[in-house]
Amino acid sequence: MSNNKLVLEMCPNFYRIINYEYFEEDVVTEKLIKIYEDFIFKANLQNDEEAKAVKRIDYVLGKYIDDNLFRRKMQKEIYNVRVSNSYKNKLLAIVENIIAIFNHYEEDTTRCIYIAKWI
């Protein structure tokens, strides 16, 4: 099986992410989608760490599209990401930082569910 078919099987949100319509001024979303596309097709799927990162970045960007609060947090936090030149795989380091931002968001955010009772 070709690598591209295997990647598409691992990424159920691929078409939603690639076809996501964003504002022209939204540079962050444009760059995130570009990073996502570059990473998933260049990843070595025989490497367990990279295969897990492919699945996780697909999930994270799916949440980025669906969740406005996470989108706002990501657009603020992404500017704090720094990758040193000592990394061999800089793209993997950026993806790991994006995933870390999402993990931090999940830990900090609890949604209050309010059920209104209509009389």
C-alpha atoms as a PDB file:
ATOM      1  CA  MET A   1       0.000   0.000   0.000  1.00  0.00           C
ATOM      2  CA  SER A   2       1.356   3.419  -0.864  1.00  0.00           C
ATOM      3  CA  ASN A   3       2.370   5.831   1.860  1.00  0.00           C
ATOM      4  CA  ASN A   4      -0.296   8.377   0.832  1.00  0.00           C
ATOM      5  CA  LYS A   5      -3.140   5.868   1.181  1.00  0.00           C
ATOM      6  CA  LEU A   6      -1.845   4.806   4.587  1.00  0.00           C
ATOM      7  CA  VAL A   7      -1.659   8.442   5.688  1.00  0.00           C
ATOM      8  CA  LEU A   8      -5.238   9.087   4.577  1.00  0.00           C
ATOM      9  CA  GLU A   9      -6.409   6.034   6.542  1.00  0.00           C
ATOM     10  CA  MET A  10      -4.665   7.388   9.642  1.00  0.00           C
ATOM     11  CA  CYS A  11      -6.128  10.901   9.206  1.00  0.00           C
ATOM     12  CA  PRO A  12      -9.941  10.893   9.239  1.00  0.00           C
ATOM     13  CA  ASN A  13     -10.050  14.719   9.377  1.00  0.00           C
ATOM     14  CA  PHE A  14      -7.764  15.240   6.365  1.00  0.00           C
ATOM     15  CA  TYR A  15     -10.328  16.561   3.896  1.00  0.00           C
ATOM     16  CA  ARG A  16     -12.034  18.756   6.501  1.00  0.00           C
ATOM     17  CA  ILE A  17      -8.706  20.327   7.404  1.00  0.00           C
ATOM     18  CA  ILE A  18      -7.432  20.802   3.857  1.00  0.00           C
ATOM     19  CA  ASN A  19     -10.760  22.203   2.621  1.00  0.00           C
ATOM     20  CA  TYR A  20     -11.311  24.472   5.632  1.00  0.00           C
ATOM     21  CA  GLU A  21     -12.258  27.972   4.515  1.00  0.00           C
ATOM     22  CA  TYR A  22     -10.576  30.696   6.532  1.00  0.00           C
ATOM     23  CA  PHE A  23     -10.219  34.445   6.125  1.00  0.00           C
ATOM     24  CA  GLU A  24      -7.442  35.695   3.868  1.00  0.00           C
ATOM     25  CA  GLU A  25      -5.901  37.625   6.782  1.00  0.00           C
ATOM     26  CA  ASP A  26      -5.737  34.469   8.931  1.00  0.00           C
ATOM     27  CA  VAL A  27      -2.058  33.675   8.446  1.00  0.00           C
ATOM     28  CA  VAL A  28      -1.902  31.325  11.445  1.00  0.00           C
ATOM     29  CA  THR A  29      -4.547  28.961  10.091  1.00  0.00           C
ATOM     30  CA  GLU A  30      -2.916  28.984   6.686  1.00  0.00           C
ATOM     31  CA  LYS A  31       0.471  28.093   8.180  1.00  0.00           C
ATOM     32  CA  LEU A  32      -0.998  25.397  10.452  1.00  0.00           C
ATOM     33  CA  ILE A  33      -2.677  23.695   7.502  1.00  0.00           C
ATOM     34  CA  LYS A  34       0.560  23.910   5.494  1.00  0.00           C
ATOM     35  CA  ILE A  35       2.554  22.419   8.395  1.00  0.00           C
ATOM     36  CA  TYR A  36      -0.051  19.670   8.776  1.00  0.00           C
ATOM     37  CA  GLU A  37       0.052  18.765   5.100  1.00  0.00           C
ATOM     38  CA  ASP A  38       3.850  18.826   4.930  1.00  0.00           C
ATOM     39  CA  PHE A  39       4.244  16.755   8.085  1.00  0.00           C
ATOM     40  CA  ILE A  40       1.764  13.976   7.398  1.00  0.00           C
ATOM     41  CA  PHE A  41       3.095  13.275   3.915  1.00  0.00           C
ATOM     42  CA  LYS A  42       6.778  13.497   4.900  1.00  0.00           C
ATOM     43  CA  ALA A  43       6.472  11.492   8.124  1.00  0.00           C
ATOM     44  CA  ASN A  44       8.139   8.111   8.404  1.00  0.00           C
ATOM     45  CA  LEU A  45       5.192   5.891   9.346  1.00  0.00           C
ATOM     46  CA  GLN A  46       7.482   3.009  10.318  1.00  0.00           C
ATOM     47  CA  ASN A  47       8.692   5.198  13.188  1.00  0.00           C
ATOM     48  CA  ASP A  48       6.154   4.797  16.021  1.00  0.00           C
ATOM     49  CA  GLU A  49       6.749   8.316  17.360  1.00  0.00           C
ATOM     50  CA  GLU A  50       6.028   9.927  14.002  1.00  0.00           C
ATOM     51  CA  ALA A  51       3.020   7.680  13.316  1.00  0.00           C
ATOM     52  CA  LYS A  52       1.496   8.700  16.661  1.00  0.00           C
ATOM     53  CA  ALA A  53       2.253  12.350  15.890  1.00  0.00           C
ATOM     54  CA  VAL A  54       0.455  12.038  12.529  1.00  0.00           C
ATOM     55  CA  LYS A  55      -2.677  10.710  14.227  1.00  0.00           C
ATOM     56  CA  ARG A  56      -2.491  13.300  16.997  1.00  0.00           C
ATOM     57  CA  ILE A  57      -1.928  16.332  14.743  1.00  0.00           C
ATOM     58  CA  ASP A  58      -4.925  15.224  12.679  1.00  0.00           C
ATOM     59  CA  TYR A  59      -7.033  15.134  15.840  1.00  0.00           C
ATOM     60  CA  VAL A  60      -5.668  18.475  17.084  1.00  0.00           C
ATOM     61  CA  LEU A  61      -6.334  20.345  13.850  1.00  0.00           C
ATOM     62  CA  GLY A  62      -9.785  18.769  13.681  1.00  0.00           C
ATOM     63  CA  LYS A  63     -10.436  20.329  17.104  1.00  0.00           C
ATOM     64  CA  TYR A  64      -8.865  23.584  15.881  1.00  0.00           C
ATOM     65  CA  ILE A  65     -11.515  23.771  13.160  1.00  0.00           C
ATOM     66  CA  ASP A  66     -14.403  22.853  15.481  1.00  0.00           C
ATOM     67  CA  ASP A  67     -13.552  24.701  18.698  1.00  0.00           C
ATOM     68  CA  ASN A  68     -13.456  28.520  18.615  1.00  0.00           C
ATOM     69  CA  LEU A  69     -11.899  28.785  22.091  1.00  0.00           C
ATOM     70  CA  PHE A  70      -9.061  26.482  21.136  1.00  0.00           C
ATOM     71  CA  ARG A  71      -8.583  28.344  17.858  1.00  0.00           C
ATOM     72  CA  ARG A  72      -8.169  31.650  19.710  1.00  0.00           C
ATOM     73  CA  LYS A  73      -5.760  30.096  22.210  1.00  0.00           C
ATOM     74  CA  MET A  74      -3.698  28.491  19.453  1.00  0.00           C
ATOM     75  CA  GLN A  75      -3.497  31.752  17.532  1.00  0.00           C
ATOM     76  CA  LYS A  76      -2.064  33.442  20.637  1.00  0.00           C
ATOM     77  CA  GLU A  77       0.234  30.628  21.787  1.00  0.00           C
ATOM     78  CA  ILE A  78       1.708  29.654  18.419  1.00  0.00           C
ATOM     79  CA  TYR A  79       3.829  32.812  18.404  1.00  0.00           C
ATOM     80  CA  ASN A  80       5.645  31.555  21.520  1.00  0.00           C
ATOM     81  CA  VAL A  81       6.862  28.365  19.818  1.00  0.00           C
ATOM     82  CA  ARG A  82      10.620  28.294  19.373  1.00  0.00           C
ATOM     83  CA  VAL A  83      12.619  25.526  17.712  1.00  0.00           C
ATOM     84  CA  SER A  84      16.391  25.556  17.960  1.00  0.00           C
ATOM     85  CA  ASN A  85      18.663  24.738  15.062  1.00  0.00           C
ATOM     86  CA  SER A  86      19.981  21.685  16.901  1.00  0.00           C
ATOM     87  CA  TYR A  87      16.866  19.631  16.013  1.00  0.00           C
ATOM     88  CA  LYS A  88      17.319  17.297  13.065  1.00  0.00           C
ATOM     89  CA  ASN A  89      13.597  17.180  12.290  1.00  0.00           C
ATOM     90  CA  LYS A  90      12.354  20.736  12.809  1.00  0.00           C
ATOM     91  CA  LEU A  91       8.925  19.935  11.380  1.00  0.00           C
ATOM     92  CA  LEU A  92       8.407  17.206  13.987  1.00  0.00           C
ATOM     93  CA  ALA A  93       9.473  19.643  16.720  1.00  0.00           C
ATOM     94  CA  ILE A  94       6.904  22.210  15.534  1.00  0.00           C
ATOM     95  CA  VAL A  95       4.169  19.552  15.413  1.00  0.00           C
ATOM     96  CA  GLU A  96       5.069  18.404  18.932  1.00  0.00           C
ATOM     97  CA  ASN A  97       4.771  22.014  20.129  1.00  0.00           C
ATOM     98  CA  ILE A  98       1.337  22.344  18.505  1.00  0.00           C
ATOM     99  CA  ILE A  99       0.250  19.123  20.212  1.00  0.00           C
ATOM    100  CA  ALA A 100       1.650  20.408  23.525  1.00  0.00           C
ATOM    101  CA  ILE A 101      -0.433  23.593  23.187  1.00  0.00           C
ATOM    102  CA  PHE A 102      -3.520  21.420  22.673  1.00  0.00           C
ATOM    103  CA  ASN A 103      -2.656  19.209  25.656  1.00  0.00           C
ATOM    104  CA  HIS A 104      -2.234  22.294  27.822  1.00  0.00           C
ATOM    105  CA  TYR A 105      -5.589  23.615  26.559  1.00  0.00           C
ATOM    106  CA  GLU A 106      -7.309  20.305  27.383  1.00  0.00           C
ATOM    107  CA  GLU A 107      -5.878  20.270  30.905  1.00  0.00           C
ATOM    108  CA  ASP A 108      -6.801  23.876  31.676  1.00  0.00           C
ATOM    109  CA  THR A 109     -10.209  24.028  30.089  1.00  0.00           C
ATOM    110  CA  THR A 110     -13.261  22.517  31.631  1.00  0.00           C
ATOM    111  CA  ARG A 111     -16.524  23.379  30.098  1.00  0.00           C
ATOM    112  CA  CYS A 112     -19.421  24.266  32.333  1.00  0.00           C
ATOM    113  CA  ILE A 113     -22.548  22.696  31.021  1.00  0.00           C
ATOM    114  CA  TYR A 114     -25.598  24.663  31.950  1.00  0.00           C
ATOM    115  CA  ILE A 115     -28.968  23.126  31.347  1.00  0.00           C
ATOM    116  CA  ALA A 116     -31.672  25.708  31.354  1.00  0.00           C
ATOM    117  CA  LYS A 117     -35.034  24.587  32.581  1.00  0.00           C
ATOM    118  CA  TRP A 118     -37.905  26.165  30.772  1.00  0.00           C
ATOM    119  CA  ILE A 119     -41.078  26.553  32.707  1.00  0.00           C
END
